[in-house]
Amino acid sequence: MAILGVGIIAWHLWQSAVGQPRSEPLSPSLSSSSALPESPVSPQPEATDAGERVVVHVAGAVQKPGIVSLPQGSRVFQAIQAAGGAASDADLNGLNLAEVLSDGVKIHVPVIGEMQVAPSPPGGGSGSNGGTAAPAAKGAKVNINTATLEELGTLPRVGPVTAQGIIDWRKEHGPFASVDELDAVEGIGPKLMESLKDLIAVQGG
C-alpha cells in the first residue's frame, strides 16, 4: 500500500510539472520600440527671398494716396490698385496703365478736365510713368476750388503743407465763395494773400 501511495503522489507531481506553461522570450521585433512605424516629419520650408521691390508715390484722384511698395515689374494700374483704386472723378485715359514702374517715381492720377504733363521721375528728371498736374499756364489763374496739391504748389510761397491745408479746408467747408476767403486757411496771412490774389480764381468746385 505504501508503494502504491508513493506512486500516486509521484504521478500527480509529474502531471503538475507537465501542465505548467513555459515563458517564451518576446520576439525582438515586438519588444523593441524601434519596430513601431515612425511618423514622417516634414522639413520646415526655408524662407524664400521676397525678391526686389519698387517704391512709388501715388497721388491725385485715388482712394488712398501715398507711398506703396510693389514687386519689381509691376505696372501703373497695379500701383493705383494698391492705393485703393481710382476715385470716381479720376481720368485714367491720360495714363499708360500698362507701363512698367520704376523705383522712386511719382504717379499722379488726374481728375477729369485736369491738365497733364510728363510725370515726376526719381531725381526730378523727365520720365513717362503715369501723369502729373501741370503748372498753371502763363497768365492763367489757379482755381482754388478744383486745384490739386501739385497745381497749388505752383503758386509762389505755397509749399506742400499750405497746399494741403487749402485742400483740407475745401473738403471740410466746401468750395471757396471768394478769393478773399482763402485767408481762413491756416498759414495764409495778409502778405501771402496779397501775393496770391491776382494769381488765383474761384470757379465752381
N, C-alpha and C. Protein backbone atom coordinates (compact mmCIF):
# COMPACT_ATOMS: atom_id res chain seq x y z
N MET A 1 0.83 -1.21 0.00
CA MET A 1 0.00 0.00 0.00
C MET A 1 0.86 1.25 0.00
N ALA A 2 1.95 1.18 0.77
CA ALA A 2 2.84 2.35 0.84
C ALA A 2 3.43 2.64 -0.52
N ILE A 3 3.79 1.56 -1.21
CA ILE A 3 4.40 1.76 -2.55
C ILE A 3 3.36 2.34 -3.49
N LEU A 4 2.12 1.88 -3.38
CA LEU A 4 1.06 2.39 -4.25
C LEU A 4 0.82 3.87 -3.99
N GLY A 5 0.82 4.26 -2.71
CA GLY A 5 0.58 5.68 -2.37
C GLY A 5 1.68 6.56 -2.91
N VAL A 6 2.91 6.08 -2.79
CA VAL A 6 4.04 6.87 -3.31
C VAL A 6 3.93 7.03 -4.81
N GLY A 7 3.48 5.99 -5.49
CA GLY A 7 3.34 6.07 -6.94
C GLY A 7 2.29 7.07 -7.37
N ILE A 8 1.17 7.09 -6.60
CA ILE A 8 0.10 8.05 -6.94
C ILE A 8 0.59 9.48 -6.78
N ILE A 9 1.30 9.71 -5.67
CA ILE A 9 1.82 11.08 -5.42
C ILE A 9 2.79 11.48 -6.51
N ALA A 10 3.67 10.55 -6.90
CA ALA A 10 4.65 10.85 -7.95
C ALA A 10 3.96 11.16 -9.27
N TRP A 11 2.87 10.43 -9.54
CA TRP A 11 2.14 10.65 -10.80
C TRP A 11 1.52 12.05 -10.85
N HIS A 12 0.93 12.47 -9.70
CA HIS A 12 0.33 13.81 -9.62
C HIS A 12 1.37 14.90 -9.79
N LEU A 13 2.54 14.70 -9.17
CA LEU A 13 3.60 15.70 -9.30
C LEU A 13 4.06 15.82 -10.75
N TRP A 14 4.11 14.69 -11.44
CA TRP A 14 4.56 14.71 -12.85
C TRP A 14 3.54 15.42 -13.73
N GLN A 15 2.24 15.18 -13.45
CA GLN A 15 1.19 15.86 -14.22
C GLN A 15 1.23 17.38 -14.01
N SER A 16 1.51 17.76 -12.75
CA SER A 16 1.57 19.21 -12.46
C SER A 16 2.71 19.86 -13.22
N ALA A 17 3.84 19.17 -13.27
CA ALA A 17 5.01 19.72 -13.97
C ALA A 17 4.74 19.87 -15.46
N VAL A 18 4.06 18.90 -16.04
CA VAL A 18 3.76 18.94 -17.48
C VAL A 18 2.78 20.06 -17.81
N GLY A 19 1.83 20.36 -16.94
CA GLY A 19 0.79 21.37 -17.20
C GLY A 19 1.25 22.81 -17.05
N GLN A 20 2.42 23.08 -16.46
CA GLN A 20 2.88 24.47 -16.26
C GLN A 20 3.25 25.11 -17.60
N PRO A 21 2.71 26.26 -17.93
CA PRO A 21 3.09 26.93 -19.18
C PRO A 21 4.51 27.46 -19.09
N ARG A 22 5.23 27.34 -20.16
CA ARG A 22 6.60 27.84 -20.18
C ARG A 22 6.62 29.29 -20.70
N SER A 23 7.48 30.10 -20.11
CA SER A 23 7.61 31.51 -20.52
C SER A 23 8.54 31.61 -21.71
N GLU A 24 8.01 32.18 -22.80
CA GLU A 24 8.81 32.34 -24.00
C GLU A 24 9.31 33.78 -24.08
N PRO A 25 10.54 33.98 -24.48
CA PRO A 25 11.05 35.37 -24.61
C PRO A 25 10.31 36.10 -25.72
N LEU A 26 10.12 37.39 -25.51
CA LEU A 26 9.44 38.21 -26.53
C LEU A 26 10.28 38.29 -27.78
N SER A 27 9.58 38.30 -28.88
CA SER A 27 10.28 38.45 -30.15
C SER A 27 10.94 39.82 -30.20
N PRO A 28 12.16 39.90 -30.67
CA PRO A 28 12.84 41.20 -30.72
C PRO A 28 12.05 42.25 -31.48
N SER A 29 11.27 41.80 -32.47
CA SER A 29 10.53 42.78 -33.28
C SER A 29 9.39 43.42 -32.52
N LEU A 30 8.89 42.79 -31.45
CA LEU A 30 7.80 43.35 -30.66
C LEU A 30 8.28 44.02 -29.39
N SER A 31 9.39 43.55 -28.84
CA SER A 31 9.87 44.11 -27.58
C SER A 31 10.60 45.42 -27.79
N SER A 32 11.01 45.68 -29.00
CA SER A 32 11.75 46.91 -29.27
C SER A 32 10.81 47.97 -29.81
N SER A 33 10.88 49.13 -29.22
CA SER A 33 10.02 50.22 -29.69
C SER A 33 10.43 50.70 -31.06
N SER A 34 11.64 50.30 -31.48
CA SER A 34 12.10 50.75 -32.79
C SER A 34 11.33 50.10 -33.91
N ALA A 35 10.60 49.00 -33.58
CA ALA A 35 9.83 48.33 -34.62
C ALA A 35 8.56 49.08 -34.97
N LEU A 36 8.13 50.04 -34.12
CA LEU A 36 6.91 50.80 -34.38
C LEU A 36 7.14 51.77 -35.53
N PRO A 37 6.16 51.93 -36.38
CA PRO A 37 6.34 52.87 -37.50
C PRO A 37 6.45 54.29 -36.99
N GLU A 38 7.39 55.04 -37.50
CA GLU A 38 7.59 56.43 -37.09
C GLU A 38 6.84 57.35 -38.04
N SER A 39 6.23 58.38 -37.47
CA SER A 39 5.52 59.36 -38.30
C SER A 39 6.54 60.21 -39.04
N PRO A 40 6.40 60.33 -40.33
CA PRO A 40 7.36 61.16 -41.07
C PRO A 40 7.24 62.61 -40.65
N VAL A 41 8.36 63.30 -40.52
CA VAL A 41 8.38 64.71 -40.13
C VAL A 41 8.73 65.53 -41.36
N SER A 42 7.82 66.39 -41.74
CA SER A 42 8.08 67.23 -42.91
C SER A 42 9.06 68.32 -42.55
N PRO A 43 10.08 68.53 -43.35
CA PRO A 43 11.03 69.59 -43.04
C PRO A 43 10.38 70.95 -43.15
N GLN A 44 10.80 71.88 -42.29
CA GLN A 44 10.26 73.23 -42.33
C GLN A 44 10.71 73.92 -43.61
N PRO A 45 9.79 74.58 -44.32
CA PRO A 45 10.21 75.26 -45.55
C PRO A 45 11.15 76.40 -45.24
N GLU A 46 12.14 76.54 -46.06
CA GLU A 46 13.09 77.62 -45.86
C GLU A 46 12.46 78.93 -46.31
N ALA A 47 12.88 80.00 -45.64
CA ALA A 47 12.36 81.31 -46.00
C ALA A 47 12.78 81.65 -47.42
N THR A 48 11.83 82.10 -48.20
CA THR A 48 12.14 82.43 -49.59
C THR A 48 12.38 83.92 -49.72
N ASP A 49 13.20 84.25 -50.64
CA ASP A 49 13.51 85.65 -50.90
C ASP A 49 12.30 86.33 -51.52
N ALA A 50 11.86 87.42 -50.92
CA ALA A 50 10.67 88.11 -51.41
C ALA A 50 10.92 88.77 -52.76
N GLY A 51 12.18 88.87 -53.14
CA GLY A 51 12.50 89.49 -54.43
C GLY A 51 12.58 91.00 -54.32
N GLU A 52 13.09 91.61 -55.37
CA GLU A 52 13.24 93.06 -55.37
C GLU A 52 11.88 93.73 -55.51
N ARG A 53 11.78 94.93 -54.94
CA ARG A 53 10.53 95.67 -54.97
C ARG A 53 10.80 97.10 -55.42
N VAL A 54 9.76 97.76 -55.84
CA VAL A 54 9.84 99.17 -56.20
C VAL A 54 8.90 99.95 -55.28
N VAL A 55 9.32 101.14 -54.93
CA VAL A 55 8.52 102.02 -54.07
C VAL A 55 8.13 103.24 -54.89
N VAL A 56 6.85 103.51 -54.98
CA VAL A 56 6.37 104.64 -55.78
C VAL A 56 5.37 105.47 -54.98
N HIS A 57 5.21 106.72 -55.41
CA HIS A 57 4.27 107.64 -54.76
C HIS A 57 3.05 107.79 -55.67
N VAL A 58 1.90 107.39 -55.16
CA VAL A 58 0.66 107.51 -55.93
C VAL A 58 -0.14 108.69 -55.37
N ALA A 59 -0.43 109.67 -56.20
CA ALA A 59 -1.12 110.88 -55.74
C ALA A 59 -2.28 111.19 -56.68
N GLY A 60 -3.04 112.20 -56.28
CA GLY A 60 -4.15 112.64 -57.13
C GLY A 60 -5.44 111.92 -56.82
N ALA A 61 -6.19 111.58 -57.87
CA ALA A 61 -7.55 111.05 -57.72
C ALA A 61 -7.56 109.55 -57.46
N VAL A 62 -7.05 109.18 -56.27
CA VAL A 62 -7.11 107.79 -55.82
C VAL A 62 -7.71 107.77 -54.41
N GLN A 63 -8.13 106.60 -53.98
CA GLN A 63 -8.80 106.50 -52.68
C GLN A 63 -7.85 106.71 -51.52
N LYS A 64 -6.62 106.19 -51.63
CA LYS A 64 -5.65 106.28 -50.53
C LYS A 64 -4.30 106.74 -51.08
N PRO A 65 -4.15 108.02 -51.40
CA PRO A 65 -2.87 108.49 -51.94
C PRO A 65 -1.75 108.29 -50.93
N GLY A 66 -0.57 108.01 -51.45
CA GLY A 66 0.57 107.82 -50.56
C GLY A 66 1.61 106.92 -51.20
N ILE A 67 2.49 106.39 -50.35
CA ILE A 67 3.59 105.54 -50.79
C ILE A 67 3.14 104.09 -50.81
N VAL A 68 3.45 103.38 -51.90
CA VAL A 68 3.14 101.96 -51.99
C VAL A 68 4.38 101.20 -52.43
N SER A 69 4.50 99.96 -51.98
CA SER A 69 5.62 99.09 -52.33
C SER A 69 5.07 97.90 -53.12
N LEU A 70 5.66 97.65 -54.27
CA LEU A 70 5.17 96.61 -55.17
C LEU A 70 6.34 95.77 -55.69
N PRO A 71 6.07 94.53 -56.10
CA PRO A 71 7.13 93.71 -56.69
C PRO A 71 7.68 94.36 -57.95
N GLN A 72 8.98 94.19 -58.16
CA GLN A 72 9.58 94.73 -59.36
C GLN A 72 8.89 94.16 -60.60
N GLY A 73 8.65 95.01 -61.57
CA GLY A 73 7.94 94.58 -62.77
C GLY A 73 6.47 94.91 -62.74
N SER A 74 5.99 95.48 -61.62
CA SER A 74 4.58 95.87 -61.53
C SER A 74 4.30 97.04 -62.48
N ARG A 75 3.03 97.24 -62.77
CA ARG A 75 2.64 98.26 -63.73
C ARG A 75 1.81 99.36 -63.06
N VAL A 76 1.57 100.41 -63.82
CA VAL A 76 0.88 101.59 -63.27
C VAL A 76 -0.47 101.22 -62.69
N PHE A 77 -1.24 100.39 -63.38
CA PHE A 77 -2.58 100.06 -62.88
C PHE A 77 -2.51 99.33 -61.54
N GLN A 78 -1.42 98.56 -61.30
CA GLN A 78 -1.28 97.86 -60.03
C GLN A 78 -0.94 98.84 -58.90
N ALA A 79 -0.21 99.89 -59.21
CA ALA A 79 0.08 100.92 -58.21
C ALA A 79 -1.19 101.64 -57.81
N ILE A 80 -2.06 101.91 -58.79
CA ILE A 80 -3.34 102.57 -58.49
C ILE A 80 -4.21 101.66 -57.63
N GLN A 81 -4.21 100.36 -57.94
CA GLN A 81 -4.97 99.41 -57.13
C GLN A 81 -4.45 99.37 -55.70
N ALA A 82 -3.12 99.42 -55.54
CA ALA A 82 -2.52 99.39 -54.21
C ALA A 82 -2.85 100.64 -53.41
N ALA A 83 -3.20 101.73 -54.10
CA ALA A 83 -3.59 102.97 -53.43
C ALA A 83 -5.10 103.04 -53.22
N GLY A 84 -5.77 101.91 -53.27
CA GLY A 84 -7.20 101.85 -53.00
C GLY A 84 -8.08 101.97 -54.23
N GLY A 85 -7.46 102.14 -55.40
CA GLY A 85 -8.24 102.27 -56.62
C GLY A 85 -8.48 103.73 -56.99
N ALA A 86 -8.90 103.95 -58.21
CA ALA A 86 -9.13 105.31 -58.70
C ALA A 86 -10.40 105.90 -58.08
N ALA A 87 -10.39 107.21 -57.88
CA ALA A 87 -11.57 107.91 -57.37
C ALA A 87 -12.62 108.00 -58.49
N SER A 88 -13.83 108.34 -58.10
CA SER A 88 -14.93 108.38 -59.07
C SER A 88 -14.73 109.44 -60.15
N ASP A 89 -13.96 110.50 -59.83
CA ASP A 89 -13.74 111.57 -60.80
C ASP A 89 -12.38 111.47 -61.47
N ALA A 90 -11.73 110.31 -61.37
CA ALA A 90 -10.40 110.15 -61.96
C ALA A 90 -10.49 110.03 -63.48
N ASP A 91 -9.50 110.60 -64.15
CA ASP A 91 -9.39 110.49 -65.60
C ASP A 91 -8.21 109.58 -65.92
N LEU A 92 -8.49 108.30 -66.20
CA LEU A 92 -7.43 107.33 -66.45
C LEU A 92 -7.00 107.29 -67.91
N ASN A 93 -7.72 108.00 -68.77
CA ASN A 93 -7.40 107.94 -70.20
C ASN A 93 -6.05 108.56 -70.51
N GLY A 94 -5.60 109.47 -69.66
CA GLY A 94 -4.32 110.12 -69.91
C GLY A 94 -3.14 109.35 -69.37
N LEU A 95 -3.37 108.20 -68.76
CA LEU A 95 -2.30 107.40 -68.18
C LEU A 95 -2.04 106.15 -69.02
N ASN A 96 -0.80 105.73 -69.04
CA ASN A 96 -0.47 104.44 -69.64
C ASN A 96 -0.52 103.40 -68.53
N LEU A 97 -1.66 102.79 -68.34
CA LEU A 97 -1.86 101.88 -67.22
C LEU A 97 -1.01 100.62 -67.31
N ALA A 98 -0.52 100.30 -68.50
CA ALA A 98 0.26 99.08 -68.69
C ALA A 98 1.75 99.31 -68.54
N GLU A 99 2.16 100.54 -68.29
CA GLU A 99 3.59 100.84 -68.24
C GLU A 99 4.23 100.24 -66.99
N VAL A 100 5.44 99.70 -67.15
CA VAL A 100 6.17 99.10 -66.03
C VAL A 100 6.73 100.21 -65.15
N LEU A 101 6.60 100.04 -63.83
CA LEU A 101 7.02 101.06 -62.88
C LEU A 101 8.53 101.04 -62.67
N SER A 102 9.08 102.21 -62.42
CA SER A 102 10.47 102.36 -62.00
C SER A 102 10.48 102.78 -60.54
N ASP A 103 11.50 102.39 -59.82
CA ASP A 103 11.57 102.72 -58.40
C ASP A 103 11.69 104.23 -58.20
N GLY A 104 10.92 104.76 -57.26
CA GLY A 104 11.04 106.16 -56.89
C GLY A 104 10.21 107.13 -57.70
N VAL A 105 9.38 106.65 -58.62
CA VAL A 105 8.59 107.59 -59.43
C VAL A 105 7.34 108.04 -58.68
N LYS A 106 6.78 109.12 -59.16
CA LYS A 106 5.51 109.61 -58.62
C LYS A 106 4.45 109.50 -59.71
N ILE A 107 3.35 108.85 -59.39
CA ILE A 107 2.24 108.70 -60.33
C ILE A 107 1.11 109.62 -59.88
N HIS A 108 0.76 110.55 -60.71
CA HIS A 108 -0.36 111.44 -60.38
C HIS A 108 -1.56 111.07 -61.24
N VAL A 109 -2.63 110.71 -60.59
CA VAL A 109 -3.87 110.36 -61.30
C VAL A 109 -4.72 111.63 -61.38
N PRO A 110 -4.92 112.17 -62.57
CA PRO A 110 -5.64 113.44 -62.68
C PRO A 110 -7.15 113.25 -62.56
N VAL A 111 -7.81 114.34 -62.20
CA VAL A 111 -9.27 114.34 -62.23
C VAL A 111 -9.71 114.73 -63.64
N ILE A 112 -10.94 114.48 -63.97
CA ILE A 112 -11.46 114.80 -65.30
C ILE A 112 -11.33 116.30 -65.56
N GLY A 113 -10.73 116.64 -66.69
CA GLY A 113 -10.55 118.04 -67.06
C GLY A 113 -9.25 118.64 -66.60
N GLU A 114 -8.48 117.91 -65.83
CA GLU A 114 -7.21 118.43 -65.33
C GLU A 114 -6.13 118.36 -66.41
N MET A 115 -5.30 119.40 -66.47
CA MET A 115 -4.20 119.40 -67.43
C MET A 115 -3.15 118.40 -66.99
N GLN A 116 -2.45 117.83 -67.96
CA GLN A 116 -1.43 116.83 -67.67
C GLN A 116 -0.15 117.13 -68.43
N VAL A 117 0.97 116.77 -67.78
CA VAL A 117 2.26 116.80 -68.46
C VAL A 117 2.99 115.53 -68.08
N ALA A 118 4.26 115.43 -68.46
CA ALA A 118 5.04 114.24 -68.13
C ALA A 118 5.13 114.08 -66.62
N PRO A 119 5.30 112.86 -66.13
CA PRO A 119 5.34 112.61 -64.70
C PRO A 119 6.63 113.07 -64.06
N SER A 120 6.68 112.97 -62.75
CA SER A 120 7.88 113.33 -62.00
C SER A 120 8.65 112.07 -61.64
N PRO A 121 9.75 111.79 -62.34
CA PRO A 121 10.52 110.58 -62.06
C PRO A 121 11.48 110.81 -60.92
N PRO A 122 12.20 109.78 -60.45
CA PRO A 122 13.16 109.98 -59.37
C PRO A 122 14.25 110.94 -59.81
N GLY A 123 14.67 111.82 -58.92
CA GLY A 123 15.73 112.76 -59.23
C GLY A 123 15.27 114.02 -59.92
N GLY A 124 13.97 114.09 -60.24
CA GLY A 124 13.44 115.32 -60.82
C GLY A 124 13.64 115.43 -62.31
N GLY A 125 14.15 114.38 -62.99
CA GLY A 125 14.34 114.41 -64.43
C GLY A 125 13.05 114.12 -65.14
N SER A 126 13.16 113.87 -66.44
CA SER A 126 11.97 113.55 -67.22
C SER A 126 11.69 112.08 -67.13
N GLY A 127 10.46 111.69 -67.37
CA GLY A 127 10.10 110.29 -67.30
C GLY A 127 8.75 110.09 -67.95
N SER A 128 8.20 108.87 -67.81
CA SER A 128 6.95 108.59 -68.50
C SER A 128 5.97 107.78 -67.69
N ASN A 129 6.24 107.50 -66.41
CA ASN A 129 5.30 106.71 -65.62
C ASN A 129 4.15 107.56 -65.13
N GLY A 130 2.92 107.26 -65.56
CA GLY A 130 1.75 107.96 -65.05
C GLY A 130 1.66 109.37 -65.59
N GLY A 131 0.84 110.19 -64.93
CA GLY A 131 0.68 111.58 -65.33
C GLY A 131 0.87 112.46 -64.13
N THR A 132 0.96 113.74 -64.33
CA THR A 132 1.10 114.67 -63.22
C THR A 132 0.43 115.98 -63.59
N ALA A 133 0.12 116.77 -62.59
CA ALA A 133 -0.54 118.03 -62.85
C ALA A 133 0.44 119.02 -63.46
N ALA A 134 -0.03 119.82 -64.36
CA ALA A 134 0.82 120.83 -64.98
C ALA A 134 0.71 122.12 -64.21
N PRO A 135 1.77 122.91 -64.17
CA PRO A 135 1.66 124.23 -63.55
C PRO A 135 0.72 125.10 -64.38
N ALA A 136 0.19 126.11 -63.75
CA ALA A 136 -0.73 126.97 -64.47
C ALA A 136 -0.03 127.65 -65.63
N ALA A 137 -0.71 127.72 -66.75
CA ALA A 137 -0.13 128.38 -67.91
C ALA A 137 0.07 129.86 -67.60
N LYS A 138 1.04 130.45 -68.29
CA LYS A 138 1.34 131.85 -68.03
C LYS A 138 0.10 132.69 -68.30
N GLY A 139 -0.28 133.51 -67.33
CA GLY A 139 -1.45 134.35 -67.47
C GLY A 139 -2.72 133.71 -66.98
N ALA A 140 -2.73 132.37 -66.82
CA ALA A 140 -3.92 131.67 -66.32
C ALA A 140 -3.91 131.67 -64.80
N LYS A 141 -5.08 131.68 -64.22
CA LYS A 141 -5.20 131.67 -62.77
C LYS A 141 -5.49 130.26 -62.27
N VAL A 142 -5.05 129.98 -61.06
CA VAL A 142 -5.28 128.68 -60.45
C VAL A 142 -6.63 128.71 -59.74
N ASN A 143 -7.50 127.80 -60.11
CA ASN A 143 -8.82 127.71 -59.48
C ASN A 143 -8.67 126.98 -58.14
N ILE A 144 -8.77 127.71 -57.05
CA ILE A 144 -8.52 127.11 -55.74
C ILE A 144 -9.63 126.16 -55.30
N ASN A 145 -10.72 126.10 -56.05
CA ASN A 145 -11.79 125.16 -55.72
C ASN A 145 -11.59 123.79 -56.35
N THR A 146 -10.72 123.70 -57.34
CA THR A 146 -10.51 122.42 -58.02
C THR A 146 -9.03 122.04 -58.13
N ALA A 147 -8.14 122.94 -57.78
CA ALA A 147 -6.70 122.71 -57.97
C ALA A 147 -6.22 121.55 -57.10
N THR A 148 -5.31 120.77 -57.66
CA THR A 148 -4.69 119.67 -56.92
C THR A 148 -3.53 120.19 -56.08
N LEU A 149 -2.95 119.29 -55.30
CA LEU A 149 -1.81 119.65 -54.46
C LEU A 149 -0.67 120.19 -55.32
N GLU A 150 -0.42 119.55 -56.46
CA GLU A 150 0.67 119.98 -57.33
C GLU A 150 0.39 121.33 -57.98
N GLU A 151 -0.86 121.55 -58.38
CA GLU A 151 -1.22 122.82 -59.01
C GLU A 151 -1.11 123.96 -58.01
N LEU A 152 -1.56 123.74 -56.79
CA LEU A 152 -1.44 124.77 -55.76
C LEU A 152 0.03 125.05 -55.46
N GLY A 153 0.87 124.02 -55.59
CA GLY A 153 2.29 124.19 -55.33
C GLY A 153 3.00 125.05 -56.35
N THR A 154 2.36 125.34 -57.49
CA THR A 154 2.97 126.22 -58.49
C THR A 154 2.84 127.69 -58.10
N LEU A 155 2.01 127.97 -57.11
CA LEU A 155 1.83 129.35 -56.66
C LEU A 155 3.03 129.77 -55.81
N PRO A 156 3.43 131.03 -55.88
CA PRO A 156 4.58 131.49 -55.11
C PRO A 156 4.34 131.39 -53.60
N ARG A 157 5.34 130.88 -52.91
CA ARG A 157 5.35 130.77 -51.45
C ARG A 157 4.29 129.80 -50.91
N VAL A 158 3.76 128.96 -51.78
CA VAL A 158 2.80 127.94 -51.34
C VAL A 158 3.50 126.58 -51.43
N GLY A 159 3.88 126.06 -50.26
CA GLY A 159 4.54 124.77 -50.20
C GLY A 159 3.53 123.64 -50.02
N PRO A 160 4.04 122.41 -49.89
CA PRO A 160 3.14 121.26 -49.74
C PRO A 160 2.21 121.36 -48.54
N VAL A 161 2.71 121.90 -47.42
CA VAL A 161 1.88 121.98 -46.21
C VAL A 161 0.73 122.96 -46.42
N THR A 162 1.04 124.12 -46.96
CA THR A 162 -0.01 125.12 -47.21
C THR A 162 -1.00 124.63 -48.26
N ALA A 163 -0.47 124.00 -49.31
CA ALA A 163 -1.35 123.47 -50.35
C ALA A 163 -2.30 122.42 -49.79
N GLN A 164 -1.77 121.54 -48.93
CA GLN A 164 -2.63 120.53 -48.32
C GLN A 164 -3.66 121.17 -47.41
N GLY A 165 -3.26 122.27 -46.73
CA GLY A 165 -4.20 122.98 -45.88
C GLY A 165 -5.37 123.56 -46.67
N ILE A 166 -5.09 124.04 -47.87
CA ILE A 166 -6.16 124.57 -48.73
C ILE A 166 -7.13 123.45 -49.12
N ILE A 167 -6.56 122.30 -49.49
CA ILE A 167 -7.42 121.17 -49.88
C ILE A 167 -8.24 120.67 -48.70
N ASP A 168 -7.61 120.58 -47.52
CA ASP A 168 -8.33 120.12 -46.33
C ASP A 168 -9.47 121.08 -45.97
N TRP A 169 -9.21 122.38 -46.06
CA TRP A 169 -10.25 123.36 -45.76
C TRP A 169 -11.41 123.20 -46.74
N ARG A 170 -11.06 122.98 -48.00
CA ARG A 170 -12.07 122.82 -49.05
C ARG A 170 -12.95 121.59 -48.79
N LYS A 171 -12.32 120.51 -48.33
CA LYS A 171 -13.08 119.29 -48.03
C LYS A 171 -14.00 119.49 -46.83
N GLU A 172 -13.53 120.26 -45.86
CA GLU A 172 -14.31 120.43 -44.63
C GLU A 172 -15.43 121.46 -44.78
N HIS A 173 -15.14 122.55 -45.50
CA HIS A 173 -16.10 123.66 -45.56
C HIS A 173 -16.79 123.80 -46.91
N GLY A 174 -16.35 123.07 -47.90
CA GLY A 174 -16.92 123.22 -49.23
C GLY A 174 -16.14 124.23 -50.06
N PRO A 175 -16.60 124.52 -51.26
CA PRO A 175 -15.87 125.43 -52.16
C PRO A 175 -15.71 126.82 -51.55
N PHE A 176 -14.62 127.47 -51.93
CA PHE A 176 -14.42 128.86 -51.51
C PHE A 176 -15.44 129.75 -52.22
N ALA A 177 -16.05 130.62 -51.46
CA ALA A 177 -17.05 131.53 -52.04
C ALA A 177 -16.38 132.70 -52.76
N SER A 178 -15.18 133.07 -52.30
CA SER A 178 -14.45 134.17 -52.92
C SER A 178 -12.96 133.97 -52.69
N VAL A 179 -12.17 134.71 -53.43
CA VAL A 179 -10.71 134.63 -53.26
C VAL A 179 -10.31 135.06 -51.86
N ASP A 180 -10.99 136.07 -51.33
CA ASP A 180 -10.64 136.58 -50.00
C ASP A 180 -10.83 135.55 -48.91
N GLU A 181 -11.67 134.56 -49.15
CA GLU A 181 -11.93 133.53 -48.14
C GLU A 181 -10.72 132.62 -47.92
N LEU A 182 -9.76 132.70 -48.82
CA LEU A 182 -8.57 131.86 -48.70
C LEU A 182 -7.78 132.18 -47.43
N ASP A 183 -7.91 133.41 -46.91
CA ASP A 183 -7.15 133.74 -45.71
C ASP A 183 -7.65 133.01 -44.47
N ALA A 184 -8.75 132.27 -44.61
CA ALA A 184 -9.24 131.46 -43.49
C ALA A 184 -8.40 130.20 -43.30
N VAL A 185 -7.61 129.87 -44.31
CA VAL A 185 -6.76 128.69 -44.23
C VAL A 185 -5.56 128.98 -43.35
N GLU A 186 -5.26 128.07 -42.45
CA GLU A 186 -4.13 128.26 -41.54
C GLU A 186 -2.83 128.35 -42.34
N GLY A 187 -2.01 129.34 -42.00
CA GLY A 187 -0.73 129.52 -42.67
C GLY A 187 -0.76 130.57 -43.77
N ILE A 188 -1.95 131.05 -44.10
CA ILE A 188 -2.06 132.08 -45.14
C ILE A 188 -2.40 133.41 -44.47
N GLY A 189 -1.42 134.29 -44.44
CA GLY A 189 -1.60 135.59 -43.81
C GLY A 189 -1.83 136.68 -44.84
N PRO A 190 -1.93 137.93 -44.38
CA PRO A 190 -2.21 139.06 -45.28
C PRO A 190 -1.16 139.22 -46.38
N LYS A 191 0.12 139.03 -46.05
CA LYS A 191 1.17 139.22 -47.06
C LYS A 191 1.06 138.17 -48.17
N LEU A 192 0.82 136.91 -47.76
CA LEU A 192 0.70 135.85 -48.75
C LEU A 192 -0.56 136.06 -49.60
N MET A 193 -1.64 136.49 -48.97
CA MET A 193 -2.87 136.77 -49.71
C MET A 193 -2.63 137.85 -50.75
N GLU A 194 -1.85 138.86 -50.38
CA GLU A 194 -1.58 139.96 -51.30
C GLU A 194 -0.84 139.47 -52.54
N SER A 195 0.06 138.49 -52.33
CA SER A 195 0.85 137.99 -53.46
C SER A 195 0.08 136.98 -54.30
N LEU A 196 -1.01 136.43 -53.74
CA LEU A 196 -1.76 135.38 -54.44
C LEU A 196 -3.02 135.87 -55.15
N LYS A 197 -3.58 136.97 -54.70
CA LYS A 197 -4.93 137.34 -55.14
C LYS A 197 -5.05 137.53 -56.65
N ASP A 198 -3.96 137.93 -57.30
CA ASP A 198 -4.02 138.12 -58.75
C ASP A 198 -3.69 136.84 -59.51
N LEU A 199 -3.37 135.77 -58.78
CA LEU A 199 -2.96 134.51 -59.42
C LEU A 199 -3.98 133.40 -59.24
N ILE A 200 -5.01 133.67 -58.43
CA ILE A 200 -5.98 132.62 -58.14
C ILE A 200 -7.38 133.06 -58.54
N ALA A 201 -8.26 132.08 -58.68
CA ALA A 201 -9.64 132.35 -59.04
C ALA A 201 -10.54 131.37 -58.31
N VAL A 202 -11.81 131.69 -58.24
CA VAL A 202 -12.81 130.83 -57.61
C VAL A 202 -13.87 130.52 -58.66
N GLN A 203 -13.89 129.27 -59.08
CA GLN A 203 -14.86 128.85 -60.10
C GLN A 203 -15.40 127.48 -59.74
N GLY A 204 -16.69 127.36 -59.62
CA GLY A 204 -17.32 126.06 -59.37
C GLY A 204 -16.74 125.38 -58.16
N GLY A 205 -16.53 124.05 -58.24
CA GLY A 205 -15.96 123.27 -57.15
C GLY A 205 -16.95 122.27 -56.64
